[in-house]
C-alpha atoms as a PDB file:
ATOM      1  CA  MET A   1       0.002  -0.032  -0.002  1.00  0.00           C
ATOM      2  CA  GLY A   2       1.933   2.967   1.235  1.00  0.00           C
ATOM      3  CA  ASP A   3      -0.364   5.705  -0.031  1.00  0.00           C
ATOM      4  CA  ALA A   4      -0.309   8.741   2.205  1.00  0.00           C
ATOM      5  CA  TYR A   5      -2.685  11.727   2.610  1.00  0.00           C
ATOM      6  CA  LEU A   6      -3.031  14.862   4.661  1.00  0.00           C
ATOM      7  CA  LEU A   7      -6.608  14.663   6.042  1.00  0.00           C
ATOM      8  CA  ARG A   8      -8.775  17.164   7.984  1.00  0.00           C
ATOM      9  CA  ALA A   9     -12.346  16.641   9.235  1.00  0.00           C
ATOM     10  CA  THR A  10     -15.111  18.601   7.488  1.00  0.00           C
ATOM     11  CA  ASP A  11     -17.192  18.421  10.638  1.00  0.00           C
ATOM     12  CA  ARG A  12     -16.430  21.707  12.451  1.00  0.00           C
ATOM     13  CA  ARG A  13     -16.537  20.179  15.940  1.00  0.00           C
ATOM     14  CA  TYR A  14     -14.098  17.465  15.043  1.00  0.00           C
ATOM     15  CA  ALA A  15     -11.794  19.822  13.178  1.00  0.00           C
ATOM     16  CA  GLU A  16     -11.622  22.278  16.116  1.00  0.00           C
ATOM     17  CA  GLU A  17     -11.709  19.911  19.075  1.00  0.00           C
ATOM     18  CA  GLY A  18      -9.966  16.873  17.647  1.00  0.00           C
ATOM     19  CA  ALA A  19      -6.199  16.430  17.387  1.00  0.00           C
ATOM     20  CA  CYS A  20      -4.585  17.528  14.166  1.00  0.00           C
ATOM     21  CA  GLY A  21      -7.707  18.573  12.391  1.00  0.00           C
ATOM     22  CA  GLY A  22      -9.910  15.758  13.727  1.00  0.00           C
ATOM     23  CA  ALA A  23      -9.275  13.269  10.958  1.00  0.00           C
ATOM     24  CA  VAL A  24      -9.323  10.230  13.253  1.00  0.00           C
ATOM     25  CA  PRO A  25     -12.781  10.842  14.707  1.00  0.00           C
ATOM     26  CA  ALA A  26     -14.075  11.687  11.268  1.00  0.00           C
ATOM     27  CA  LEU A  27     -12.796   8.359   9.952  1.00  0.00           C
ATOM     28  CA  LEU A  28     -14.407   6.512  12.848  1.00  0.00           C
ATOM     29  CA  ARG A  29     -17.755   8.254  12.312  1.00  0.00           C
ATOM     30  CA  TYR A  30     -17.626   7.414   8.565  1.00  0.00           C
ATOM     31  CA  ALA A  31     -16.944   3.710   9.404  1.00  0.00           C
ATOM     32  CA  LEU A  32     -20.016   3.627  11.692  1.00  0.00           C
ATOM     33  CA  GLU A  33     -22.371   5.524   9.402  1.00  0.00           C
ATOM     34  CA  GLU A  34     -21.499   3.455   6.359  1.00  0.00           C
ATOM     35  CA  GLY A  35     -21.788   0.200   8.328  1.00  0.00           C
ATOM     36  CA  LEU A  36     -18.138  -0.805   7.781  1.00  0.00           C
ATOM     37  CA  VAL A  37     -17.832  -1.695  11.461  1.00  0.00           C
ATOM     38  CA  GLU A  38     -20.044  -2.962  14.231  1.00  0.00           C
ATOM     39  CA  ALA A  39     -18.699  -0.579  16.826  1.00  0.00           C
ATOM     40  CA  VAL A  40     -15.736   1.625  17.746  1.00  0.00           C
ATOM     41  CA  VAL A  41     -13.385   1.187  20.659  1.00  0.00           C
ATOM     42  CA  CYS A  42     -11.662   4.447  21.506  1.00  0.00           C
ATOM     43  CA  VAL A  43     -10.822   6.785  24.375  1.00  0.00           C
ATOM     44  CA  GLU A  44     -12.669   9.695  25.858  1.00  0.00           C
ATOM     45  CA  GLU A  45     -11.824  12.180  28.600  1.00  0.00           C
ATOM     46  CA  GLY A  46     -13.088  11.251  32.103  1.00  0.00           C
ATOM     47  CA  THR A  47     -13.331  13.757  34.919  1.00  0.00           C
ATOM     48  CA  ASP A  48     -10.332  15.656  33.538  1.00  0.00           C
ATOM     49  CA  PRO A  49      -7.659  15.206  30.864  1.00  0.00           C
ATOM     50  CA  LEU A  50      -5.628  13.041  33.215  1.00  0.00           C
ATOM     51  CA  ASP A  51      -8.517  10.558  33.567  1.00  0.00           C
ATOM     52  CA  PRO A  52      -8.997   8.954  30.082  1.00  0.00           C
ATOM     53  CA  ARG A  53     -11.118   5.868  29.794  1.00  0.00           C
ATOM     54  CA  PRO A  54     -11.891   3.351  27.046  1.00  0.00           C
ATOM     55  CA  ILE A  55     -15.451   3.416  25.627  1.00  0.00           C
ATOM     56  CA  VAL A  56     -17.401   1.419  23.103  1.00  0.00           C
ATOM     57  CA  VAL A  57     -19.446   3.418  20.633  1.00  0.00           C
ATOM     58  CA  ASP A  58     -22.054   2.128  18.215  1.00  0.00           C
ATOM     59  CA  ASP A  59     -23.844   5.404  17.398  1.00  0.00           C
ATOM     60  CA  PRO A  60     -21.964   7.776  15.054  1.00  0.00           C
ATOM     61  CA  ASP A  61     -23.128  10.763  17.036  1.00  0.00           C
ATOM     62  CA  ASP A  62     -21.309   9.484  20.136  1.00  0.00           C
ATOM     63  CA  VAL A  63     -17.894   9.361  18.581  1.00  0.00           C
ATOM     64  CA  PRO A  64     -15.845  11.754  20.800  1.00  0.00           C
ATOM     65  CA  ALA A  65     -14.173  14.671  19.058  1.00  0.00           C
ATOM     66  CA  GLY A  66     -11.148  14.769  21.378  1.00  0.00           C
ATOM     67  CA  THR A  67      -8.517  12.110  21.659  1.00  0.00           C
ATOM     68  CA  TYR A  68      -6.918  11.416  25.033  1.00  0.00           C
ATOM     69  CA  HIS A  69      -3.690   9.416  25.247  1.00  0.00           C
ATOM     70  CA  VAL A  70      -1.972  10.547  28.386  1.00  0.00           C
ATOM     71  CA  PHE A  71      -1.955   7.025  29.768  1.00  0.00           C
ATOM     72  CA  HIS A  72      -1.740   3.484  28.437  1.00  0.00           C
ATOM     73  CA  LEU A  73      -5.138   1.799  28.138  1.00  0.00           C
ATOM     74  CA  PRO A  74      -5.528  -1.853  27.074  1.00  0.00           C
ATOM     75  CA  LEU A  75      -7.842  -1.144  24.203  1.00  0.00           C
ATOM     76  CA  SER A  76      -7.131  -4.548  22.647  1.00  0.00           C
ATOM     77  CA  THR A  77      -8.580  -6.210  25.779  1.00  0.00           C
ATOM     78  CA  VAL A  78     -11.754  -4.180  25.426  1.00  0.00           C
ATOM     79  CA  ALA A  79     -11.939  -5.033  21.720  1.00  0.00           C
ATOM     80  CA  THR A  80     -11.737  -8.735  22.458  1.00  0.00           C
ATOM     81  CA  SER A  81     -14.988  -8.596  24.454  1.00  0.00           C
ATOM     82  CA  VAL A  82     -16.729  -6.467  21.835  1.00  0.00           C
ATOM     83  CA  VAL A  83     -15.815  -8.662  18.904  1.00  0.00           C
ATOM     84  CA  GLU A  84     -17.469 -11.763  20.391  1.00  0.00           C
ATOM     85  CA  GLY A  85     -20.769 -12.320  18.706  1.00  0.00           C
ATOM     86  CA  GLY A  86     -20.394  -9.446  16.196  1.00  0.00           C
ATOM     87  CA  THR A  87     -21.033  -9.848  12.451  1.00  0.00           C
ATOM     88  CA  LYS A  88     -18.764  -6.988  11.318  1.00  0.00           C
ATOM     89  CA  PRO A  89     -15.296  -5.794  12.353  1.00  0.00           C
ATOM     90  CA  VAL A  90     -14.787  -3.521  15.276  1.00  0.00           C
ATOM     91  CA  ALA A  91     -12.732  -0.344  14.729  1.00  0.00           C
ATOM     92  CA  VAL A  92     -10.049   0.245  17.385  1.00  0.00           C
ATOM     93  CA  THR A  93      -7.875   3.286  17.896  1.00  0.00           C
ATOM     94  CA  CYS A  94      -4.516   1.891  18.752  1.00  0.00           C
ATOM     95  CA  ARG A  95      -0.929   2.787  19.391  1.00  0.00           C
ATOM     96  CA  PRO A  96       1.778   0.370  18.228  1.00  0.00           C
ATOM     97  CA  CYS A  97       1.673  -1.817  21.324  1.00  0.00           C
ATOM     98  CA  ASP A  98      -2.147  -2.029  21.105  1.00  0.00           C
ATOM     99  CA  SER A  99      -1.979  -2.828  17.401  1.00  0.00           C
ATOM    100  CA  THR A 100       0.639  -5.529  17.914  1.00  0.00           C
ATOM    101  CA  ALA A 101      -1.448  -7.018  20.755  1.00  0.00           C
ATOM    102  CA  LEU A 102      -4.454  -7.314  18.390  1.00  0.00           C
ATOM    103  CA  SER A 103      -2.235  -8.985  15.781  1.00  0.00           C
ATOM    104  CA  GLU A 104      -0.951 -11.448  18.442  1.00  0.00           C
ATOM    105  CA  LEU A 105      -4.505 -12.213  19.498  1.00  0.00           C
ATOM    106  CA  GLU A 106      -5.379 -12.995  15.903  1.00  0.00           C
ATOM    107  CA  ALA A 107      -2.249 -15.162  15.492  1.00  0.00           C
ATOM    108  CA  CYS A 108      -3.082 -17.276  18.525  1.00  0.00           C
ATOM    109  CA  GLY A 109      -6.786 -17.595  17.625  1.00  0.00           C
ATOM    110  CA  ALA A 110      -8.158 -15.515  20.433  1.00  0.00           C
ATOM    111  CA  LEU A 111      -9.611 -13.082  17.817  1.00  0.00           C
ATOM    112  CA  PRO A 112     -10.926 -14.035  14.345  1.00  0.00           C
ATOM    113  CA  LYS A 113      -8.705 -12.717  11.558  1.00  0.00           C
ATOM    114  CA  GLY A 114     -10.106  -9.519  10.127  1.00  0.00           C
ATOM    115  CA  SER A 115     -12.337  -8.899  13.160  1.00  0.00           C
ATOM    116  CA  THR A 116     -10.793  -5.522  13.900  1.00  0.00           C
ATOM    117  CA  LEU A 117     -10.134  -2.424  11.820  1.00  0.00           C
ATOM    118  CA  LYS A 118      -7.022  -0.953  13.354  1.00  0.00           C
ATOM    119  CA  VAL A 119      -6.801   2.845  13.199  1.00  0.00           C
ATOM    120  CA  GLY A 120      -3.216   3.225  14.313  1.00  0.00           C
ATOM    121  CA  LEU A 121      -1.835   6.315  16.117  1.00  0.00           C
ATOM    122  CA  ASN A 122       1.809   7.234  16.146  1.00  0.00           C
ATOM    123  CA  CYS A 123       3.150   7.196  19.673  1.00  0.00           C
ATOM    124  CA  GLY A 124       6.241   8.696  21.269  1.00  0.00           C
ATOM    125  CA  GLY A 125       5.368   7.232  24.631  1.00  0.00           C
ATOM    126  CA  THR A 126       2.919   7.850  27.430  1.00  0.00           C
ATOM    127  CA  PHE A 127       3.133   9.273  30.924  1.00  0.00           C
ATOM    128  CA  HIS A 128       1.453   8.012  34.047  1.00  0.00           C
ATOM    129  CA  PRO A 129      -1.255  10.474  35.128  1.00  0.00           C
ATOM    130  CA  ARG A 130       0.507  11.141  38.395  1.00  0.00           C
ATOM    131  CA  THR A 131       3.668  12.071  36.459  1.00  0.00           C
ATOM    132  CA  ILE A 132       1.794  14.547  34.301  1.00  0.00           C
ATOM    133  CA  ALA A 133       0.213  15.960  37.477  1.00  0.00           C
ATOM    134  CA  GLU A 134       3.747  16.454  38.924  1.00  0.00           C
ATOM    135  CA  ILE A 135       4.902  18.183  35.766  1.00  0.00           C
ATOM    136  CA  LEU A 136       1.863  20.495  35.800  1.00  0.00           C
ATOM    137  CA  GLU A 137       2.410  21.337  39.489  1.00  0.00           C
ATOM    138  CA  HIS A 138       6.041  22.150  38.693  1.00  0.00           C
ATOM    139  CA  LEU A 139       4.809  24.514  35.924  1.00  0.00           C
ATOM    140  CA  GLY A 140       2.250  26.033  38.226  1.00  0.00           C
ATOM    141  CA  ARG A 141      -0.602  24.667  36.217  1.00  0.00           C
ATOM    142  CA  GLU A 142      -3.892  22.890  37.060  1.00  0.00           C
ATOM    143  CA  PRO A 143      -4.945  19.611  35.274  1.00  0.00           C
ATOM    144  CA  SER A 144      -8.082  21.447  34.071  1.00  0.00           C
ATOM    145  CA  GLU A 145      -5.951  23.792  32.073  1.00  0.00           C
ATOM    146  CA  LEU A 146      -4.383  21.022  29.983  1.00  0.00           C
ATOM    147  CA  LEU A 147      -5.969  20.721  26.533  1.00  0.00           C
ATOM    148  CA  GLY A 148      -3.703  18.041  25.127  1.00  0.00           C
ATOM    149  CA  GLU A 149      -0.211  16.606  24.990  1.00  0.00           C
ATOM    150  CA  THR A 150       2.113  15.332  22.252  1.00  0.00           C
ATOM    151  CA  ILE A 151       5.673  14.205  21.879  1.00  0.00           C
ATOM    152  CA  GLU A 152       7.598  15.756  18.990  1.00  0.00           C
ATOM    153  CA  LYS A 153      11.294  15.951  18.212  1.00  0.00           C
ATOM    154  CA  GLY A 154      12.222  14.570  21.637  1.00  0.00           C
ATOM    155  CA  ARG A 155      10.099  17.024  23.548  1.00  0.00           C
ATOM    156  CA  LEU A 156       6.897  16.834  25.570  1.00  0.00           C
ATOM    157  CA  ARG A 157       4.508  19.490  24.283  1.00  0.00           C
ATOM    158  CA  LEU A 158       1.767  20.483  26.706  1.00  0.00           C
ATOM    159  CA  LEU A 159      -1.069  22.482  25.047  1.00  0.00           C
ATOM    160  CA  PHE A 160      -2.944  25.176  27.027  1.00  0.00           C
ATOM    161  CA  GLU A 161      -5.361  27.836  25.884  1.00  0.00           C
ATOM    162  CA  ASP A 162      -2.733  30.526  26.418  1.00  0.00           C
ATOM    163  CA  GLY A 163       0.141  28.667  24.663  1.00  0.00           C
ATOM    164  CA  ILE A 164       2.368  25.618  24.601  1.00  0.00           C
ATOM    165  CA  GLU A 165       4.995  24.483  27.100  1.00  0.00           C
ATOM    166  CA  GLU A 166       7.825  22.359  25.683  1.00  0.00           C
ATOM    167  CA  ILE A 167      10.146  20.230  27.837  1.00  0.00           C
ATOM    168  CA  PRO A 168      12.939  17.948  26.540  1.00  0.00           C
ATOM    169  CA  LEU A 169      12.209  14.263  27.327  1.00  0.00           C
ATOM    170  CA  LYS A 170      15.774  13.726  28.440  1.00  0.00           C
ATOM    171  CA  ASP A 171      15.426  16.446  31.054  1.00  0.00           C
ATOM    172  CA  LEU A 172      12.194  14.946  32.336  1.00  0.00           C
ATOM    173  CA  GLU A 173      13.605  11.444  32.496  1.00  0.00           C
ATOM    174  CA  SER A 174      16.744  12.488  34.242  1.00  0.00           C
ATOM    175  CA  GLU A 175      14.552  14.095  36.843  1.00  0.00           C
ATOM    176  CA  GLY A 176      12.426  11.004  37.335  1.00  0.00           C
ATOM    177  CA  ARG A 177       9.426  12.557  35.673  1.00  0.00           C
ATOM    178  CA  GLY A 178       9.612  10.820  32.331  1.00  0.00           C
ATOM    179  CA  ARG A 179       7.558   8.453  30.285  1.00  0.00           C
ATOM    180  CA  ARG A 180       6.457   5.076  31.600  1.00  0.00           C
ATOM    181  CA  GLU A 181       9.347   2.568  31.755  1.00  0.00           C
ATOM    182  CA  ALA A 182       7.992   0.362  28.980  1.00  0.00           C
ATOM    183  CA  CYS A 183       7.731   3.504  26.726  1.00  0.00           C
ATOM    184  CA  ARG A 184      11.290   4.471  27.437  1.00  0.00           C
ATOM    185  CA  ARG A 185      12.633   1.190  26.119  1.00  0.00           C
ATOM    186  CA  CYS A 186      10.230   1.014  23.153  1.00  0.00           C
ATOM    187  CA  GLU A 187      11.748   1.387  19.659  1.00  0.00           C
ATOM    188  CA  VAL A 188       8.461   1.255  17.650  1.00  0.00           C
ATOM    189  CA  SER A 189       6.548   4.532  17.366  1.00  0.00           C
ATOM    190  CA  VAL A 190       4.587   3.937  14.158  1.00  0.00           C
ATOM    191  CA  PRO A 191       1.850   1.181  14.107  1.00  0.00           C
ATOM    192  CA  ARG A 192       2.850  -0.419  10.827  1.00  0.00           C
ATOM    193  CA  ASP A 193       0.717  -3.528  11.424  1.00  0.00           C
ATOM    194  CA  ALA A 194      -2.411  -1.379  11.664  1.00  0.00           C
ATOM    195  CA  ASP A 195      -4.758  -0.682   8.688  1.00  0.00           C
ATOM    196  CA  VAL A 196      -3.850   2.990   8.748  1.00  0.00           C
ATOM    197  CA  ALA A 197      -1.182   4.912  10.617  1.00  0.00           C
ATOM    198  CA  CYS A 198      -2.121   8.428  11.706  1.00  0.00           C
ATOM    199  CA  GLY A 199      -0.304  11.292  13.379  1.00  0.00           C
ATOM    200  CA  ASN A 200       1.186  14.753  13.156  1.00  0.00           C
ATOM    201  CA  TRP A 201       4.824  13.685  12.470  1.00  0.00           C
ATOM    202  CA  GLY A 202       5.691  14.550   8.852  1.00  0.00           C
ATOM    203  CA  VAL A 203       2.975  17.233   8.414  1.00  0.00           C
ATOM    204  CA  PRO A 204       4.618  20.382   7.022  1.00  0.00           C
ATOM    205  CA  GLY A 205       5.104  23.198   9.477  1.00  0.00           C
ATOM    206  CA  GLU A 206       2.372  25.520   8.215  1.00  0.00           C
ATOM    207  CA  LEU A 207      -0.183  22.702   8.367  1.00  0.00           C
ATOM    208  CA  SER A 208       1.071  21.120  11.589  1.00  0.00           C
ATOM    209  CA  GLY A 209      -1.821  20.674  14.050  1.00  0.00           C
ATOM    210  CA  LYS A 210      -4.363  21.341  11.302  1.00  0.00           C
ATOM    211  CA  TYR A 211      -4.021  18.098   9.331  1.00  0.00           C
ATOM    212  CA  THR A 212      -3.242  14.481  10.086  1.00  0.00           C
ATOM    213  CA  LEU A 213      -0.769  12.461   8.040  1.00  0.00           C
ATOM    214  CA  VAL A 214      -2.475   9.184   7.270  1.00  0.00           C
ATOM    215  CA  GLU A 215      -0.682   6.258   5.677  1.00  0.00           C
ATOM    216  CA  VAL A 216      -2.722   3.482   4.114  1.00  0.00           C
ATOM    217  CA  LEU A 217      -1.383   0.089   5.162  1.00  0.00           C
ATOM    218  CA  SER A 218      -4.026  -2.440   4.069  1.00  0.00           C
ATOM    219  CA  GLU A 219      -6.932  -2.909   1.734  1.00  0.00           C
ATOM    220  CA  PRO A 220      -9.505  -2.299   4.535  1.00  0.00           C
ATOM    221  CA  GLY A 221      -7.551   0.888   5.393  1.00  0.00           C
ATOM    222  CA  ARG A 222      -7.736   2.004   1.814  1.00  0.00           C
ATOM    223  CA  ARG A 223     -11.516   1.467   1.706  1.00  0.00           C
ATOM    224  CA  LEU A 224     -11.840   3.425   4.954  1.00  0.00           C
ATOM    225  CA  VAL A 225      -9.741   6.445   3.830  1.00  0.00           C
ATOM    226  CA  GLU A 226     -10.873   6.629   0.202  1.00  0.00           C
ATOM    227  CA  GLY A 227     -14.525   6.175   1.241  1.00  0.00           C
ATOM    228  CA  ALA A 228     -14.312   8.925   3.819  1.00  0.00           C
ATOM    229  CA  ILE A 229     -12.770  11.248   1.262  1.00  0.00           C
ATOM    230  CA  GLU A 230     -15.408  10.466  -1.373  1.00  0.00           C
ATOM    231  CA  ALA A 231     -18.263  10.849   1.138  1.00  0.00           C
ATOM    232  CA  GLY A 232     -17.027  14.219   2.278  1.00  0.00           C
ATOM    233  CA  PHE A 233     -16.161  13.268   5.879  1.00  0.00           C
ATOM    234  CA  VAL A 234     -12.613  14.567   5.361  1.00  0.00           C
ATOM    235  CA  THR A 235     -10.828  16.874   3.013  1.00  0.00           C
ATOM    236  CA  ALA A 236      -7.617  15.491   1.551  1.00  0.00           C
ATOM    237  CA  ARG A 237      -4.329  16.818   0.256  1.00  0.00           C
ATOM    238  CA  PRO A 238      -1.544  14.739  -1.182  1.00  0.00           C
ATOM    239  CA  ALA A 239       1.130  14.177   1.434  1.00  0.00           C
ATOM    240  CA  PRO A 240       4.495  15.812   0.557  1.00  0.00           C
ATOM    241  CA  GLU A 241       7.012  13.383  -0.961  1.00  0.00           C
ATOM    242  CA  ASP A 242       9.206  13.510   2.167  1.00  0.00           C
ATOM    243  CA  ALA A 243       6.337  13.272   4.740  1.00  0.00           C
ATOM    244  CA  LEU A 244       6.839   9.585   5.573  1.00  0.00           C
ATOM    245  CA  SER A 245      10.582   9.887   5.669  1.00  0.00           C
ATOM    246  CA  VAL A 246      10.349  12.847   8.086  1.00  0.00           C
ATOM    247  CA  ARG A 247       7.936  10.802  10.235  1.00  0.00           C
ATOM    248  CA  ASP A 248      10.307   7.801  10.195  1.00  0.00           C
ATOM    249  CA  LEU A 249      13.250  10.104  11.144  1.00  0.00           C
ATOM    250  CA  MET A 250      11.324  11.165  14.306  1.00  0.00           C
ATOM    251  CA  GLU A 251      10.739   7.491  15.094  1.00  0.00           C
ATOM    252  CA  SER A 252      14.499   6.730  14.688  1.00  0.00           C
ATOM    253  CA  ARG A 253      15.376   9.506  17.134  1.00  0.00           C
ATOM    254  CA  LEU A 254      13.089   7.998  19.698  1.00  0.00           C
ATOM    255  CA  ALA A 255      14.628   4.555  19.015  1.00  0.00           C
ATOM    256  CA  GLU A 256      18.041   6.032  19.694  1.00  0.00           C
ATOM    257  CA  MET A 257      16.739   7.235  23.066  1.00  0.00           C
ATOM    258  CA  ALA A 258      15.425   3.768  23.795  1.00  0.00           C
ATOM    259  CA  HIS A 259      18.873   2.300  23.151  1.00  0.00           C
ATOM    260  CA  GLU A 260      20.370   4.823  25.514  1.00  0.00           C
ATOM    261  CA  ALA A 261      17.736   4.318  28.243  1.00  0.00           C
ATOM    262  CA  GLU A 262      18.955   2.751  31.437  1.00  0.00           C
ATOM    263  CA  SER A 263      17.230  -0.595  32.202  1.00  0.00           C
ATOM    264  CA  VAL A 264      15.569  -0.886  35.611  1.00  0.00           C
ATOM    265  CA  THR A 265      14.863  -4.478  36.675  1.00  0.00           C
ATOM    266  CA  ARG A 266      11.951  -4.758  39.121  1.00  0.00           C
ATOM    267  CA  PHE A 267      11.077  -8.408  38.626  1.00  0.00           C
ATOM    268  CA  ASP A 268      10.943  -9.920  42.157  1.00  0.00           C
ATOM    269  CA  PRO A 269       8.424 -12.826  42.415  1.00  0.00           C
ATOM    270  CA  SER A 270       8.915 -12.930  46.232  1.00  0.00           C
ATOM    271  CA  ARG A 271       7.026  -9.644  46.518  1.00  0.00           C
ATOM    272  CA  CYS A 272       4.027 -10.825  44.494  1.00  0.00           C
ATOM    273  CA  VAL A 273       0.746 -10.655  46.407  1.00  0.00           C
ATOM    274  CA  ARG A 274      -1.076 -12.692  43.759  1.00  0.00           C
ATOM    275  CA  CYS A 275      -3.797 -10.063  43.229  1.00  0.00           C
ATOM    276  CA  LEU A 276      -3.948 -11.032  39.518  1.00  0.00           C
ATOM    277  CA  GLY A 277      -4.045  -7.384  38.488  1.00  0.00           C
ATOM    278  CA  CYS A 278      -1.416  -7.947  35.822  1.00  0.00           C
ATOM    279  CA  ARG A 279      -3.384 -10.799  34.328  1.00  0.00           C
ATOM    280  CA  PHE A 280      -6.568  -8.702  34.067  1.00  0.00           C
ATOM    281  CA  VAL A 281      -4.918  -5.843  32.173  1.00  0.00           C
ATOM    282  CA  CYS A 282      -2.557  -7.798  29.969  1.00  0.00           C
ATOM    283  CA  PRO A 283      -3.919  -7.563  26.392  1.00  0.00           C
ATOM    284  CA  VAL A 284      -2.836 -11.115  25.513  1.00  0.00           C
ATOM    285  CA  CYS A 285      -3.042 -12.894  28.876  1.00  0.00           C
ATOM    286  CA  ALA A 286      -6.604 -11.665  29.606  1.00  0.00           C
ATOM    287  CA  ALA A 287      -7.872 -13.368  26.449  1.00  0.00           C
ATOM    288  CA  CYS A 288      -6.183 -16.700  27.248  1.00  0.00           C
ATOM    289  CA  GLU A 289      -8.526 -19.686  27.727  1.00  0.00           C
ATOM    290  CA  GLU A 290      -5.901 -22.498  27.897  1.00  0.00           C
ATOM    291  CA  GLU A 291      -7.227 -25.271  30.130  1.00  0.00           C
ATOM    292  CA  GLY A 292      -3.870 -25.784  31.789  1.00  0.00           C
ATOM    293  CA  CYS A 293      -3.749 -22.145  32.989  1.00  0.00           C
ATOM    294  CA  ARG A 294      -7.257 -21.967  34.506  1.00  0.00           C
ATOM    295  CA  GLU A 295      -6.010 -22.151  38.090  1.00  0.00           C
ATOM    296  CA  PHE A 296      -3.640 -19.272  37.267  1.00  0.00           C
ATOM    297  CA  ALA A 297      -6.141 -17.187  35.335  1.00  0.00           C
ATOM    298  CA  GLY A 298      -8.239 -15.429  37.917  1.00  0.00           C
ATOM    299  CA  ARG A 299     -10.733 -18.281  38.551  1.00  0.00           C
ATOM    300  CA  GLY A 300      -9.697 -18.721  42.147  1.00  0.00           C
ATOM    301  CA  VAL A 301      -6.721 -17.979  44.367  1.00  0.00           C
ATOM    302  CA  PRO A 302      -3.478 -19.039  42.632  1.00  0.00           C
ATOM    303  CA  PRO A 303      -2.287 -22.148  44.466  1.00  0.00           C
ATOM    304  CA  SER A 304       1.429 -21.592  44.009  1.00  0.00           C
ATOM    305  CA  PRO A 305       3.833 -18.921  45.238  1.00  0.00           C
ATOM    306  CA  VAL A 306       5.555 -19.142  41.876  1.00  0.00           C
ATOM    307  CA  TRP A 307       2.499 -17.925  39.983  1.00  0.00           C
ATOM    308  CA  LEU A 308       4.161 -14.706  38.776  1.00  0.00           C
ATOM    309  CA  GLU A 309       7.104 -16.596  37.258  1.00  0.00           C
ATOM    310  CA  ARG A 310       4.707 -18.983  35.543  1.00  0.00           C
ATOM    311  CA  ALA A 311       2.533 -16.230  34.184  1.00  0.00           C
ATOM    312  CA  ALA A 312       5.483 -14.247  32.926  1.00  0.00           C
ATOM    313  CA  GLY A 313       6.866 -17.306  31.160  1.00  0.00           C
ATOM    314  CA  CYS A 314       3.524 -18.160  29.617  1.00  0.00           C
ATOM    315  CA  VAL A 315       2.936 -14.686  28.123  1.00  0.00           C
ATOM    316  CA  ALA A 316       6.513 -14.166  26.946  1.00  0.00           C
ATOM    317  CA  PRO A 317       6.016 -15.356  23.313  1.00  0.00           C
ATOM    318  CA  GLN A 318       3.128 -12.862  22.812  1.00  0.00           C
ATOM    319  CA  CYS A 319       4.237 -10.014  25.056  1.00  0.00           C
ATOM    320  CA  VAL A 320       4.039  -6.628  23.396  1.00  0.00           C
ATOM    321  CA  ASP A 321       5.764  -4.783  26.231  1.00  0.00           C
ATOM    322  CA  CYS A 322       2.926  -2.325  26.706  1.00  0.00           C
ATOM    323  CA  GLY A 323       3.756  -1.983  30.394  1.00  0.00           C
ATOM    324  CA  ALA A 324       0.184  -2.338  31.645  1.00  0.00           C
ATOM    325  CA  CYS A 325       1.158  -5.079  34.073  1.00  0.00           C
ATOM    326  CA  SER A 326       3.817  -2.862  35.708  1.00  0.00           C
ATOM    327  CA  ASP A 327       1.389   0.093  35.910  1.00  0.00           C
ATOM    328  CA  VAL A 328      -1.184  -1.794  38.011  1.00  0.00           C
ATOM    329  CA  CYS A 329       1.109  -3.833  40.257  1.00  0.00           C
ATOM    330  CA  PRO A 330       0.605  -2.776  43.965  1.00  0.00           C
ATOM    331  CA  ALA A 331       3.915  -4.321  44.936  1.00  0.00           C
ATOM    332  CA  GLY A 332       5.832  -2.246  42.430  1.00  0.00           C
ATOM    333  CA  ILE A 333       6.943  -5.278  40.401  1.00  0.00           C
ATOM    334  CA  ASP A 334       7.533  -5.216  36.600  1.00  0.00           C
ATOM    335  CA  PRO A 335       6.409  -8.701  35.583  1.00  0.00           C
ATOM    336  CA  SER A 336       6.982  -8.206  31.880  1.00  0.00           C
ATOM    337  CA  PRO A 337       9.288 -10.715  30.128  1.00  0.00           C
ATOM    338  CA  GLN A 338      11.606  -7.762  29.222  1.00  0.00           C
ATOM    339  CA  SER A 339      12.153  -7.170  32.899  1.00  0.00           C
ATOM    340  CA  CYS A 340      12.784 -10.911  33.344  1.00  0.00           C
ATOM    341  CA  ASN A 341      15.599 -10.640  30.785  1.00  0.00           C
ATOM    342  CA  SER A 342      13.557 -12.585  28.198  1.00  0.00           C
ATOM    343  CA  THR A 343      14.921 -12.773  24.680  1.00  0.00           C
ATOM    344  CA  THR A 344      11.465 -11.993  23.294  1.00  0.00           C
ATOM    345  CA  SER A 345      11.246  -8.334  22.412  1.00  0.00           C
ATOM    346  CA  PRO A 346       8.507  -6.460  20.491  1.00  0.00           C
ATOM    347  CA  SER A 347      10.977  -3.738  19.583  1.00  0.00           C
ATOM    348  CA  SER A 348      12.302  -5.910  16.785  1.00  0.00           C
ATOM    349  CA  ARG A 349       8.865  -6.420  15.226  1.00  0.00           C
ATOM    350  CA  THR A 350       7.555  -4.409  12.324  1.00  0.00           C
END
């Protein structure tokens, strides 16, 4: 495929409130209105911008204009429950780790092939809400003032009504206020196994923030984008010849930072309290129905003190290193295979 466009929503609310001209919500609305999908799994703002939550939408009027990606959310886990019993695909907004998780679920048979339409979002990493709150406090800002955040050219850009604050990622991470650990070691910023890849990277300066660069990566993605253009849901410009190479250069810079990042090993099974939180948020483990794992899969108290080691070993072949397990662990353990020095690494996948 490889065709690329600069897209902007024709709907005024999406164009003004959505990120980069609102192309993503416009594509989602088109998919619902035209019956291309059964439902949409996406993210909306909760009580404030630091409280995003996954939602399932089946009414085009309910597609949120804003996009909220401050924190990792296991959208692939939500999608798994929505797909069951559906007759059409489910559209899912997904960052690279979400997209890879959906591909892994299809590969292991937990999801039927072609059951999701993956609307991929470029990702330079995510911050835990409490970290963003600390950064805002340091800047003398309230969470309610934050309109959005992006990572561009190695900097965190915080958008407020009265302007933009930019802080180098390296400064934040040296101060202990950086991205989530899994994001710091991630080398994949563009969701190339999605149906379309969307983002601001590569959009020319005068159009930056007003248009979304959308790369078509599959035939379903082509039908989505070309259909939305023809139906008038988005206006389109041809992407500049160097747009994708500029985007890929930004990804390579983040990959260099990942190589330079210091590894922090927090895998200590002796501290595990066997709450099963990691199992419930893991996008691949949560969908597992293997008979041999039932006593370890939240259907009763795990009978063995080595449960964490067994769970980490079981999920290793499909782990996408999203970091959700580490985020929810009350004992401060990182149970991901990467922390266990596993040889399996999603950073080498494309």
